PDB file of N, CA and C in Angstrom:
ATOM      1  N   MET A   1     -29.018  22.890 -40.690  1.00  0.00           N
ATOM      2  CA  MET A   1     -29.582  24.214 -40.864  1.00  0.00           C
ATOM      3  C   MET A   1     -29.137  25.151 -39.744  1.00  0.00           C
ATOM      4  N   ALA A   2     -29.104  24.639 -38.515  1.00  0.00           N
ATOM      5  CA  ALA A   2     -28.674  25.447 -37.376  1.00  0.00           C
ATOM      6  C   ALA A   2     -27.203  25.836 -37.512  1.00  0.00           C
ATOM      7  N   VAL A   3     -26.397  24.937 -38.076  1.00  0.00           N
ATOM      8  CA  VAL A   3     -24.972  25.217 -38.254  1.00  0.00           C
ATOM      9  C   VAL A   3     -24.788  26.378 -39.232  1.00  0.00           C
ATOM     10  N   ILE A   4     -25.580  26.415 -40.280  1.00  0.00           N
ATOM     11  CA  ILE A   4     -25.498  27.504 -41.262  1.00  0.00           C
ATOM     12  C   ILE A   4     -25.897  28.828 -40.613  1.00  0.00           C
ATOM     13  N   ALA A   5     -26.962  28.803 -39.826  1.00  0.00           N
ATOM     14  CA  ALA A   5     -27.422  30.022 -39.156  1.00  0.00           C
ATOM     15  C   ALA A   5     -26.361  30.542 -38.189  1.00  0.00           C
ATOM     16  N   ILE A   6     -25.752  29.641 -37.430  1.00  0.00           N
ATOM     17  CA  ILE A   6     -24.701  30.037 -36.488  1.00  0.00           C
ATOM     18  C   ILE A   6     -23.500  30.591 -37.248  1.00  0.00           C
ATOM     19  N   SER A   7     -23.155  29.956 -38.357  1.00  0.00           N
ATOM     20  CA  SER A   7     -22.030  30.424 -39.173  1.00  0.00           C
ATOM     21  C   SER A   7     -22.287  31.824 -39.718  1.00  0.00           C
ATOM     22  N   ILE A   8     -23.487  32.070 -40.168  1.00  0.00           N
ATOM     23  CA  ILE A   8     -23.850  33.391 -40.695  1.00  0.00           C
ATOM     24  C   ILE A   8     -23.749  34.449 -39.597  1.00  0.00           C
ATOM     25  N   VAL A   9     -24.236  34.117 -38.411  1.00  0.00           N
ATOM     26  CA  VAL A   9     -24.166  35.053 -37.288  1.00  0.00           C
ATOM     27  C   VAL A   9     -22.710  35.347 -36.928  1.00  0.00           C
ATOM     28  N   LEU A  10     -21.879  34.313 -36.880  1.00  0.00           N
ATOM     29  CA  LEU A  10     -20.466  34.499 -36.541  1.00  0.00           C
ATOM     30  C   LEU A  10     -19.737  35.347 -37.587  1.00  0.00           C
ATOM     31  N   VAL A  11     -19.967  35.047 -38.856  1.00  0.00           N
ATOM     32  CA  VAL A  11     -19.326  35.808 -39.932  1.00  0.00           C
ATOM     33  C   VAL A  11     -19.790  37.267 -39.894  1.00  0.00           C
ATOM     34  N   SER A  12     -21.078  37.469 -39.693  1.00  0.00           N
ATOM     35  CA  SER A  12     -21.611  38.838 -39.612  1.00  0.00           C
ATOM     36  C   SER A  12     -20.995  39.591 -38.438  1.00  0.00           C
ATOM     37  N   SER A  13     -20.874  38.915 -37.311  1.00  0.00           N
ATOM     38  CA  SER A  13     -20.283  39.532 -36.126  1.00  0.00           C
ATOM     39  C   SER A  13     -18.818  39.902 -36.363  1.00  0.00           C
ATOM     40  N   LEU A  14     -18.072  39.011 -36.986  1.00  0.00           N
ATOM     41  CA  LEU A  14     -16.668  39.284 -37.288  1.00  0.00           C
ATOM     42  C   LEU A  14     -16.520  40.450 -38.263  1.00  0.00           C
ATOM     43  N   MET A  15     -17.387  40.498 -39.253  1.00  0.00           N
ATOM     44  CA  MET A  15     -17.336  41.596 -40.225  1.00  0.00           C
ATOM     45  C   MET A  15     -17.647  42.927 -39.548  1.00  0.00           C
ATOM     46  N   MET A  16     -18.629  42.928 -38.656  1.00  0.00           N
ATOM     47  CA  MET A  16     -19.010  44.153 -37.955  1.00  0.00           C
ATOM     48  C   MET A  16     -17.865  44.635 -37.061  1.00  0.00           C
ATOM     49  N   ASN A  17     -17.230  43.714 -36.342  1.00  0.00           N
ATOM     50  CA  ASN A  17     -16.086  44.075 -35.497  1.00  0.00           C
ATOM     51  C   ASN A  17     -14.938  44.625 -36.334  1.00  0.00           C
ATOM     52  N   SER A  18     -14.727  44.045 -37.495  1.00  0.00           N
ATOM     53  CA  SER A  18     -13.667  44.504 -38.384  1.00  0.00           C
ATOM     54  C   SER A  18     -13.940  45.926 -38.871  1.00  0.00           C
ATOM     55  N   LEU A  19     -15.188  46.212 -39.223  1.00  0.00           N
ATOM     56  CA  LEU A  19     -15.556  47.557 -39.675  1.00  0.00           C
ATOM     57  C   LEU A  19     -15.400  48.582 -38.557  1.00  0.00           C
ATOM     58  N   ILE A  20     -15.808  48.221 -37.351  1.00  0.00           N
ATOM     59  CA  ILE A  20     -15.682  49.130 -36.209  1.00  0.00           C
ATOM     60  C   ILE A  20     -14.212  49.408 -35.921  1.00  0.00           C
ATOM     61  N   SER A  21     -13.394  48.372 -35.975  1.00  0.00           N
ATOM     62  CA  SER A  21     -11.959  48.527 -35.733  1.00  0.00           C
ATOM     63  C   SER A  21     -11.313  49.412 -36.799  1.00  0.00           C
ATOM     64  N   ALA A  22     -11.689  49.219 -38.045  1.00  0.00           N
ATOM     65  CA  ALA A  22     -11.141  50.027 -39.137  1.00  0.00           C
ATOM     66  C   ALA A  22     -11.531  51.495 -38.969  1.00  0.00           C
ATOM     67  N   ASP A  23     -12.783  51.743 -38.556  1.00  0.00           N
ATOM     68  CA  ASP A  23     -13.241  53.114 -38.346  1.00  0.00           C
ATOM     69  C   ASP A  23     -12.475  53.769 -37.201  1.00  0.00           C
ATOM     70  N   SER A  24     -12.240  53.028 -36.129  1.00  0.00           N
ATOM     71  CA  SER A  24     -11.483  53.558 -34.990  1.00  0.00           C
ATOM     72  C   SER A  24     -10.054  53.897 -35.396  1.00  0.00           C
ATOM     73  N   SER A  25      -9.431  53.035 -36.172  1.00  0.00           N
ATOM     74  CA  SER A  25      -8.063  53.290 -36.639  1.00  0.00           C
ATOM     75  C   SER A  25      -8.021  54.528 -37.527  1.00  0.00           C
ATOM     76  N   PHE A  26      -9.017  54.683 -38.374  1.00  0.00           N
ATOM     77  CA  PHE A  26      -9.084  55.839 -39.266  1.00  0.00           C
ATOM     78  C   PHE A  26      -9.234  57.128 -38.463  1.00  0.00           C
ATOM     79  N   LYS A  27     -10.115  57.115 -37.455  1.00  0.00           N
ATOM     80  CA  LYS A  27     -10.319  58.299 -36.609  1.00  0.00           C
ATOM     81  C   LYS A  27      -9.046  58.644 -35.837  1.00  0.00           C
ATOM     82  N   LEU A  28      -8.333  57.627 -35.351  1.00  0.00           N
ATOM     83  CA  LEU A  28      -7.078  57.861 -34.640  1.00  0.00           C
ATOM     84  C   LEU A  28      -6.048  58.500 -35.566  1.00  0.00           C
ATOM     85  N   ARG A  29      -5.961  58.014 -36.799  1.00  0.00           N
ATOM     86  CA  ARG A  29      -5.039  58.598 -37.783  1.00  0.00           C
ATOM     87  C   ARG A  29      -5.398  60.056 -38.063  1.00  0.00           C
ATOM     88  N   GLN A  30      -6.688  60.324 -38.232  1.00  0.00           N
ATOM     89  CA  GLN A  30      -7.128  61.697 -38.492  1.00  0.00           C
ATOM     90  C   GLN A  30      -6.804  62.612 -37.310  1.00  0.00           C
ATOM     91  N   SER A  31      -7.007  62.107 -36.106  1.00  0.00           N
ATOM     92  CA  SER A  31      -6.721  62.889 -34.911  1.00  0.00           C
ATOM     93  C   SER A  31      -5.233  63.196 -34.800  1.00  0.00           C
ATOM     94  N   THR A  32      -4.400  62.214 -35.096  1.00  0.00           N
ATOM     95  CA  THR A  32      -2.948  62.402 -35.069  1.00  0.00           C
ATOM     96  C   THR A  32      -2.518  63.415 -36.121  1.00  0.00           C
ATOM     97  N   GLN A  33      -3.113  63.336 -37.302  1.00  0.00           N
ATOM     98  CA  GLN A  33      -2.801  64.300 -38.367  1.00  0.00           C
ATOM     99  C   GLN A  33      -3.236  65.708 -37.970  1.00  0.00           C
ATOM    100  N   ALA A  34      -4.397  65.824 -37.350  1.00  0.00           N
ATOM    101  CA  ALA A  34      -4.886  67.135 -36.919  1.00  0.00           C
ATOM    102  C   ALA A  34      -3.952  67.741 -35.877  1.00  0.00           C
ATOM    103  N   LEU A  35      -3.454  66.915 -34.959  1.00  0.00           N
ATOM    104  CA  LEU A  35      -2.522  67.412 -33.946  1.00  0.00           C
ATOM    105  C   LEU A  35      -1.203  67.850 -34.580  1.00  0.00           C
ATOM    106  N   ALA A  36      -0.701  67.080 -35.521  1.00  0.00           N
ATOM    107  CA  ALA A  36       0.551  67.437 -36.204  1.00  0.00           C
ATOM    108  C   ALA A  36       0.389  68.742 -36.982  1.00  0.00           C
ATOM    109  N   THR A  37      -0.748  68.914 -37.631  1.00  0.00           N
ATOM    110  CA  THR A  37      -1.022  70.149 -38.367  1.00  0.00           C
ATOM    111  C   THR A  37      -1.078  71.334 -37.410  1.00  0.00           C
ATOM    112  N   THR A  38      -1.765  71.153 -36.292  1.00  0.00           N
ATOM    113  CA  THR A  38      -1.882  72.208 -35.296  1.00  0.00           C
ATOM    114  C   THR A  38      -0.510  72.598 -34.762  1.00  0.00           C
ATOM    115  N   ASP A  39       0.310  71.607 -34.480  1.00  0.00           N
ATOM    116  CA  ASP A  39       1.659  71.838 -33.973  1.00  0.00           C
ATOM    117  C   ASP A  39       2.506  72.623 -34.980  1.00  0.00           C
ATOM    118  N   SER A  40       2.420  72.263 -36.239  1.00  0.00           N
ATOM    119  CA  SER A  40       3.232  72.958 -37.250  1.00  0.00           C
ATOM    120  C   SER A  40       2.788  74.411 -37.414  1.00  0.00           C
ATOM    121  N   TYR A  41       1.497  74.684 -37.271  1.00  0.00           N
ATOM    122  CA  TYR A  41       1.035  76.067 -37.375  1.00  0.00           C
ATOM    123  C   TYR A  41       1.430  76.888 -36.149  1.00  0.00           C
ATOM    124  N   ILE A  42       1.551  76.249 -34.985  1.00  0.00           N
ATOM    125  CA  ILE A  42       2.082  76.942 -33.804  1.00  0.00           C
ATOM    126  C   ILE A  42       3.522  77.366 -34.085  1.00  0.00           C
ATOM    127  N   GLN A  43       4.323  76.441 -34.605  1.00  0.00           N
ATOM    128  CA  GLN A  43       5.719  76.757 -34.920  1.00  0.00           C
ATOM    129  C   GLN A  43       5.805  77.894 -35.939  1.00  0.00           C
ATOM    130  N   ASN A  44       4.954  77.835 -36.945  1.00  0.00           N
ATOM    131  CA  ASN A  44       4.920  78.879 -37.965  1.00  0.00           C
ATOM    132  C   ASN A  44       4.543  80.232 -37.352  1.00  0.00           C
ATOM    133  N   ALA A  45       3.596  80.223 -36.426  1.00  0.00           N
ATOM    134  CA  ALA A  45       3.176  81.472 -35.782  1.00  0.00           C
ATOM    135  C   ALA A  45       4.317  82.080 -34.972  1.00  0.00           C
ATOM    136  N   ILE A  46       5.095  81.242 -34.293  1.00  0.00           N
ATOM    137  CA  ILE A  46       6.235  81.758 -33.523  1.00  0.00           C
ATOM    138  C   ILE A  46       7.242  82.429 -34.459  1.00  0.00           C
ATOM    139  N   ILE A  47       7.501  81.809 -35.590  1.00  0.00           N
ATOM    140  CA  ILE A  47       8.414  82.409 -36.576  1.00  0.00           C
ATOM    141  C   ILE A  47       7.860  83.744 -37.073  1.00  0.00           C
ATOM    142  N   LYS A  48       6.541  83.790 -37.331  1.00  0.00           N
ATOM    143  CA  LYS A  48       5.931  85.042 -37.799  1.00  0.00           C
ATOM    144  C   LYS A  48       6.028  86.135 -36.740  1.00  0.00           C
ATOM    145  N   ILE A  49       5.882  85.763 -35.460  1.00  0.00           N
ATOM    146  CA  ILE A  49       5.986  86.756 -34.388  1.00  0.00           C
ATOM    147  C   ILE A  49       7.414  87.297 -34.304  1.00  0.00           C
ATOM    148  N   ILE A  50       8.393  86.418 -34.476  1.00  0.00           N
ATOM    149  CA  ILE A  50       9.793  86.860 -34.453  1.00  0.00           C
ATOM    150  C   ILE A  50      10.045  87.863 -35.577  1.00  0.00           C
ATOM    151  N   ARG A  51       9.489  87.588 -36.742  1.00  0.00           N
ATOM    152  CA  ARG A  51       9.683  88.480 -37.898  1.00  0.00           C
ATOM    153  C   ARG A  51       8.847  89.753 -37.804  1.00  0.00           C
ATOM    154  N   ASP A  52       7.647  89.620 -37.233  1.00  0.00           N
ATOM    155  CA  ASP A  52       6.734  90.758 -37.132  1.00  0.00           C
ATOM    156  C   ASP A  52       6.070  90.741 -35.755  1.00  0.00           C
ATOM    157  N   PRO A  53       6.565  91.536 -34.814  1.00  0.00           N
ATOM    158  CA  PRO A  53       5.998  91.541 -33.460  1.00  0.00           C
ATOM    159  C   PRO A  53       4.526  91.949 -33.407  1.00  0.00           C
ATOM    160  N   ASN A  54       3.997  92.522 -34.485  1.00  0.00           N
ATOM    161  CA  ASN A  54       2.594  92.931 -34.526  1.00  0.00           C
ATOM    162  C   ASN A  54       1.666  91.844 -35.069  1.00  0.00           C
ATOM    163  N   TYR A  55       2.209  90.685 -35.400  1.00  0.00           N
ATOM    164  CA  TYR A  55       1.394  89.574 -35.910  1.00  0.00           C
ATOM    165  C   TYR A  55       0.381  89.172 -34.840  1.00  0.00           C
ATOM    166  N   THR A  56      -0.893  89.111 -35.233  1.00  0.00           N
ATOM    167  CA  THR A  56      -1.958  88.794 -34.273  1.00  0.00           C
ATOM    168  C   THR A  56      -2.651  87.468 -34.545  1.00  0.00           C
ATOM    169  N   GLY A  57      -2.248  86.791 -35.602  1.00  0.00           N
ATOM    170  CA  GLY A  57      -2.870  85.511 -35.916  1.00  0.00           C
ATOM    171  C   GLY A  57      -3.585  85.553 -37.245  1.00  0.00           C
ATOM    172  N   GLU A  58      -4.235  84.448 -37.551  1.00  0.00           N
ATOM    173  CA  GLU A  58      -4.941  84.342 -38.827  1.00  0.00           C
ATOM    174  C   GLU A  58      -5.830  83.107 -38.809  1.00  0.00           C
ATOM    175  N   THR A  59      -6.701  83.038 -39.777  1.00  0.00           N
ATOM    176  CA  THR A  59      -7.535  81.861 -39.986  1.00  0.00           C
ATOM    177  C   THR A  59      -7.156  81.262 -41.329  1.00  0.00           C
ATOM    178  N   LEU A  60      -6.823  79.995 -41.315  1.00  0.00           N
ATOM    179  CA  LEU A  60      -6.395  79.303 -42.530  1.00  0.00           C
ATOM    180  C   LEU A  60      -7.407  78.217 -42.862  1.00  0.00           C
ATOM    181  N   THR A  61      -7.836  78.194 -44.104  1.00  0.00           N
ATOM    182  CA  THR A  61      -8.761  77.168 -44.553  1.00  0.00           C
ATOM    183  C   THR A  61      -7.980  76.080 -45.275  1.00  0.00           C
ATOM    184  N   LEU A  62      -8.109  74.860 -44.775  1.00  0.00           N
ATOM    185  CA  LEU A  62      -7.456  73.705 -45.374  1.00  0.00           C
ATOM    186  C   LEU A  62      -8.495  72.895 -46.135  1.00  0.00           C
ATOM    187  N   THR A  63      -8.049  71.953 -46.932  1.00  0.00           N
ATOM    188  CA  THR A  63      -9.008  71.122 -47.663  1.00  0.00           C
ATOM    189  C   THR A  63      -9.846  70.278 -46.713  1.00  0.00           C
ATOM    190  N   SER A  64      -9.293  69.942 -45.551  1.00  0.00           N
ATOM    191  CA  SER A  64     -10.008  69.072 -44.620  1.00  0.00           C
ATOM    192  C   SER A  64     -10.514  69.803 -43.387  1.00  0.00           C
ATOM    193  N   GLY A  65     -10.358  71.115 -43.341  1.00  0.00           N
ATOM    194  CA  GLY A  65     -10.816  71.828 -42.155  1.00  0.00           C
ATOM    195  C   GLY A  65     -10.272  73.235 -42.083  1.00  0.00           C
ATOM    196  N   GLN A  66     -10.109  73.714 -40.856  1.00  0.00           N
ATOM    197  CA  GLN A  66      -9.719  75.097 -40.646  1.00  0.00           C
ATOM    198  C   GLN A  66      -8.794  75.185 -39.431  1.00  0.00           C
ATOM    199  N   VAL A  67      -7.793  76.053 -39.517  1.00  0.00           N
ATOM    200  CA  VAL A  67      -6.887  76.316 -38.402  1.00  0.00           C
ATOM    201  C   VAL A  67      -7.012  77.793 -38.044  1.00  0.00           C
ATOM    202  N   ILE A  68      -7.223  78.060 -36.765  1.00  0.00           N
ATOM    203  CA  ILE A  68      -7.312  79.437 -36.282  1.00  0.00           C
ATOM    204  C   ILE A  68      -6.120  79.681 -35.362  1.00  0.00           C
ATOM    205  N   ILE A  69      -5.315  80.682 -35.700  1.00  0.00           N
ATOM    206  CA  ILE A  69      -4.165  81.068 -34.884  1.00  0.00           C
ATOM    207  C   ILE A  69      -4.534  82.354 -34.149  1.00  0.00           C
ATOM    208  N   GLU A  70      -4.410  82.344 -32.818  1.00  0.00           N
ATOM    209  CA  GLU A  70      -4.671  83.522 -32.005  1.00  0.00           C
ATOM    210  C   GLU A  70      -3.400  83.877 -31.246  1.00  0.00           C
ATOM    211  N   VAL A  71      -3.012  85.146 -31.306  1.00  0.00           N
ATOM    212  CA  VAL A  71      -1.844  85.623 -30.569  1.00  0.00           C
ATOM    213  C   VAL A  71      -2.320  86.728 -29.635  1.00  0.00           C
ATOM    214  N   THR A  72      -2.088  86.555 -28.347  1.00  0.00           N
ATOM    215  CA  THR A  72      -2.474  87.567 -27.370  1.00  0.00           C
ATOM    216  C   THR A  72      -1.257  87.970 -26.557  1.00  0.00           C
ATOM    217  N   GLY A  73      -1.225  89.213 -26.131  1.00  0.00           N
ATOM    218  CA  GLY A  73      -0.095  89.735 -25.371  1.00  0.00           C
ATOM    219  C   GLY A  73       0.679  90.719 -26.224  1.00  0.00           C
ATOM    220  N   ASP A  74       1.650  91.352 -25.628  1.00  0.00           N
ATOM    221  CA  ASP A  74       2.452  92.348 -26.334  1.00  0.00           C
ATOM    222  C   ASP A  74       3.923  91.982 -26.283  1.00  0.00           C
ATOM    223  N   ALA A  75       4.584  92.027 -27.443  1.00  0.00           N
ATOM    224  CA  ALA A  75       6.034  91.813 -27.483  1.00  0.00           C
ATOM    225  C   ALA A  75       6.680  93.087 -26.960  1.00  0.00           C
ATOM    226  N   PRO A  76       7.788  93.094 -26.306  1.00  0.00           N
ATOM    227  CA  PRO A  76       8.631  91.937 -25.984  1.00  0.00           C
ATOM    228  C   PRO A  76       8.302  91.335 -24.623  1.00  0.00           C
ATOM    229  N   LYS A  77       7.103  90.911 -24.433  1.00  0.00           N
ATOM    230  CA  LYS A  77       6.672  90.309 -23.177  1.00  0.00           C
ATOM    231  C   LYS A  77       6.242  88.880 -23.441  1.00  0.00           C
ATOM    232  N   ASN A  78       5.453  88.371 -22.503  1.00  0.00           N
ATOM    233  CA  ASN A  78       4.905  87.029 -22.687  1.00  0.00           C
ATOM    234  C   ASN A  78       3.742  87.081 -23.664  1.00  0.00           C
ATOM    235  N   ILE A  79       3.738  86.160 -24.584  1.00  0.00           N
ATOM    236  CA  ILE A  79       2.686  86.075 -25.592  1.00  0.00           C
ATOM    237  C   ILE A  79       2.118  84.664 -25.562  1.00  0.00           C
ATOM    238  N   LEU A  80       0.809  84.565 -25.653  1.00  0.00           N
ATOM    239  CA  LEU A  80       0.148  83.267 -25.742  1.00  0.00           C
ATOM    240  C   LEU A  80      -0.216  83.028 -27.197  1.00  0.00           C
ATOM    241  N   VAL A  81       0.265  81.933 -27.748  1.00  0.00           N
ATOM    242  CA  VAL A  81      -0.083  81.540 -29.113  1.00  0.00           C
ATOM    243  C   VAL A  81      -0.998  80.338 -28.999  1.00  0.00           C
ATOM    244  N   LYS A  82      -2.167  80.428 -29.599  1.00  0.00           N
ATOM    245  CA  LYS A  82      -3.139  79.341 -29.519  1.00  0.00           C
ATOM    246  C   LYS A  82      -3.539  78.936 -30.928  1.00  0.00           C
ATOM    247  N   SER A  83      -3.478  77.649 -31.201  1.00  0.00           N
ATOM    248  CA  SER A  83      -3.870  77.124 -32.505  1.00  0.00           C
ATOM    249  C   SER A  83      -5.038  76.172 -32.311  1.00  0.00           C
ATOM    250  N   THR A  84      -6.132  76.433 -33.008  1.00  0.00           N
ATOM    251  CA  THR A  84      -7.312  75.578 -32.963  1.00  0.00           C
ATOM    252  C   THR A  84      -7.502  74.987 -34.347  1.00  0.00           C
ATOM    253  N   ASN A  85      -7.577  73.681 -34.412  1.00  0.00           N
ATOM    254  CA  ASN A  85      -7.686  72.996 -35.698  1.00  0.00           C
ATOM    255  C   ASN A  85      -8.918  72.105 -35.682  1.00  0.00           C
ATOM    256  N   LEU A  86      -9.872  72.414 -36.534  1.00  0.00           N
ATOM    257  CA  LEU A  86     -11.032  71.550 -36.728  1.00  0.00           C
ATOM    258  C   LEU A  86     -10.859  70.906 -38.090  1.00  0.00           C
ATOM    259  N   GLN A  87     -10.467  69.641 -38.059  1.00  0.00           N
ATOM    260  CA  GLN A  87     -10.134  68.919 -39.282  1.00  0.00           C
ATOM    261  C   GLN A  87     -10.941  67.633 -39.311  1.00  0.00           C
ATOM    262  N   ASN A  88     -11.751  67.464 -40.336  1.00  0.00           N
ATOM    263  CA  ASN A  88     -12.602  66.276 -40.462  1.00  0.00           C
ATOM    264  C   ASN A  88     -13.416  66.042 -39.195  1.00  0.00           C
ATOM    265  N   ASP A  89     -13.984  67.123 -38.648  1.00  0.00           N
ATOM    266  CA  ASP A  89     -14.803  67.080 -37.435  1.00  0.00           C
ATOM    267  C   ASP A  89     -14.030  66.643 -36.195  1.00  0.00           C
ATOM    268  N   ILE A  90     -12.705  66.755 -36.210  1.00  0.00           N
ATOM    269  CA  ILE A  90     -11.872  66.439 -35.050  1.00  0.00           C
ATOM    270  C   ILE A  90     -11.223  67.739 -34.598  1.00  0.00           C
ATOM    271  N   LEU A  91     -11.431  68.093 -33.337  1.00  0.00           N
ATOM    272  CA  LEU A  91     -10.914  69.348 -32.799  1.00  0.00           C
ATOM    273  C   LEU A  91      -9.653  69.084 -31.980  1.00  0.00           C
ATOM    274  N   ARG A  92      -8.556  69.761 -32.323  1.00  0.00           N
ATOM    275  CA  ARG A  92      -7.307  69.700 -31.551  1.00  0.00           C
ATOM    276  C   ARG A  92      -6.862  71.129 -31.284  1.00  0.00           C
ATOM    277  N   GLN A  93      -6.493  71.424 -30.047  1.00  0.00           N
ATOM    278  CA  GLN A  93      -6.051  72.762 -29.673  1.00  0.00           C
ATOM    279  C   GLN A  93      -4.726  72.683 -28.929  1.00  0.00           C
ATOM    280  N   LEU A  94      -3.821  73.572 -29.281  1.00  0.00           N
ATOM    281  CA  LEU A  94      -2.535  73.701 -28.596  1.00  0.00           C
ATOM    282  C   LEU A  94      -2.360  75.143 -28.154  1.00  0.00           C
ATOM    283  N   SER A  95      -1.700  75.318 -27.020  1.00  0.00           N
ATOM    284  CA  SER A  95      -1.340  76.651 -26.546  1.00  0.00           C
ATOM    285  C   SER A  95       0.133  76.655 -26.177  1.00  0.00           C
ATOM    286  N   VAL A  96       0.780  77.778 -26.440  1.00  0.00           N
ATOM    287  CA  VAL A  96       2.206  77.932 -26.149  1.00  0.00           C
ATOM    288  C   VAL A  96       2.426  79.315 -25.560  1.00  0.00           C
ATOM    289  N   ASP A  97       3.199  79.375 -24.487  1.00  0.00           N
ATOM    290  CA  ASP A  97       3.632  80.660 -23.943  1.00  0.00           C
ATOM    291  C   ASP A  97       5.005  80.974 -24.526  1.00  0.00           C
ATOM    292  N   VAL A  98       5.127  82.151 -25.129  1.00  0.00           N
ATOM    293  CA  VAL A  98       6.389  82.569 -25.732  1.00  0.00           C
ATOM    294  C   VAL A  98       6.829  83.862 -25.049  1.00  0.00           C
ATOM    295  N   ASN A  99       8.080  83.892 -24.618  1.00  0.00           N
ATOM    296  CA  ASN A  99       8.625  85.086 -23.988  1.00  0.00           C
ATOM    297  C   ASN A  99       9.686  85.695 -24.902  1.00  0.00           C
ATOM    298  N   PHE A 100       9.484  86.952 -25.224  1.00  0.00           N
ATOM    299  CA  PHE A 100      10.446  87.696 -26.040  1.00  0.00           C
ATOM    300  C   PHE A 100      11.155  88.688 -25.128  1.00  0.00           C
ATOM    301  N   ALA A 101      12.410  88.436 -24.844  1.00  0.00           N
ATOM    302  CA  ALA A 101      13.188  89.324 -23.979  1.00  0.00           C
ATOM    303  C   ALA A 101      13.634  90.553 -24.759  1.00  0.00           C
ATOM    304  N   THR A 102      13.950  91.611 -24.040  1.00  0.00           N
ATOM    305  CA  THR A 102      14.373  92.849 -24.702  1.00  0.00           C
ATOM    306  C   THR A 102      15.698  92.690 -25.435  1.00  0.00           C
ATOM    307  N   ASP A 103      16.506  91.686 -25.045  1.00  0.00           N
ATOM    308  CA  ASP A 103      17.778  91.457 -25.743  1.00  0.00           C
ATOM    309  C   ASP A 103      17.617  90.599 -26.996  1.00  0.00           C
ATOM    310  N   GLY A 104      16.369  90.248 -27.337  1.00  0.00           N
ATOM    311  CA  GLY A 104      16.105  89.464 -28.541  1.00  0.00           C
ATOM    312  C   GLY A 104      15.983  87.973 -28.309  1.00  0.00           C
ATOM    313  N   ALA A 105      16.255  87.525 -27.100  1.00  0.00           N
ATOM    314  CA  ALA A 105      16.144  86.092 -26.797  1.00  0.00           C
ATOM    315  C   ALA A 105      14.676  85.673 -26.780  1.00  0.00           C
ATOM    316  N   VAL A 106      14.425  84.486 -27.297  1.00  0.00           N
ATOM    317  CA  VAL A 106      13.071  83.935 -27.348  1.00  0.00           C
ATOM    318  C   VAL A 106      13.067  82.631 -26.562  1.00  0.00           C
ATOM    319  N   SER A 107      12.102  82.500 -25.661  1.00  0.00           N
ATOM    320  CA  SER A 107      11.961  81.235 -24.935  1.00  0.00           C
ATOM    321  C   SER A 107      10.511  80.787 -24.998  1.00  0.00           C
ATOM    322  N   VAL A 108      10.336  79.489 -25.043  1.00  0.00           N
ATOM    323  CA  VAL A 108       9.013  78.888 -25.166  1.00  0.00           C
ATOM    324  C   VAL A 108       8.770  78.032 -23.931  1.00  0.00           C
ATOM    325  N   SER A 109       7.569  78.136 -23.382  1.00  0.00           N
ATOM    326  CA  SER A 109       7.203  77.295 -22.243  1.00  0.00           C
ATOM    327  C   SER A 109       5.741  76.889 -22.361  1.00  0.00           C
ATOM    328  N   ASN A 110       5.376  75.924 -21.583  1.00  0.00           N
ATOM    329  CA  ASN A 110       3.980  75.456 -21.519  1.00  0.00           C
ATOM    330  C   ASN A 110       3.407  75.081 -22.879  1.00  0.00           C
ATOM    331  N   TRP A 111       4.158  74.337 -23.661  1.00  0.00           N
ATOM    332  CA  TRP A 111       3.689  73.871 -24.963  1.00  0.00           C
ATOM    333  C   TRP A 111       2.804  72.662 -24.698  1.00  0.00           C
ATOM    334  N   GLY A 112       1.509  72.793 -24.912  1.00  0.00           N
ATOM    335  CA  GLY A 112       0.653  71.658 -24.610  1.00  0.00           C
ATOM    336  C   GLY A 112      -0.729  71.771 -25.200  1.00  0.00           C
ATOM    337  N   GLU A 113      -1.429  70.672 -25.112  1.00  0.00           N
ATOM    338  CA  GLU A 113      -2.778  70.597 -25.657  1.00  0.00           C
ATOM    339  C   GLU A 113      -3.781  71.100 -24.632  1.00  0.00           C
ATOM    340  N   ASP A 114      -4.759  71.871 -25.109  1.00  0.00           N
ATOM    341  CA  ASP A 114      -5.808  72.402 -24.231  1.00  0.00           C
ATOM    342  C   ASP A 114      -6.826  71.332 -23.916  1.00  0.00           C
TER     343      ASP A 114
END
């Protein structure tokens, strides 16, 4: 009888650890996806600024969350592009400094997560 009880406890413990591990892996995948989404919207915002120097950002609603693009500064100077992504209750933020020179050259610096 004691062997059965110990076996049940061990099996239950293994199942619980497996569920916790699966949940952690799922959250990591979601976080990675949120960062990739945020990064792609930063790139898109830079393209929009090149095409329209008056672009100030936007809020995009996704099926799994929301991305907020903020553009501060004045072209052809340094501009800060910030993307905030709340996706499946996971928050990822990136900021990029973009410099637009008067000769049309574009340079990007300080691309990183807040």
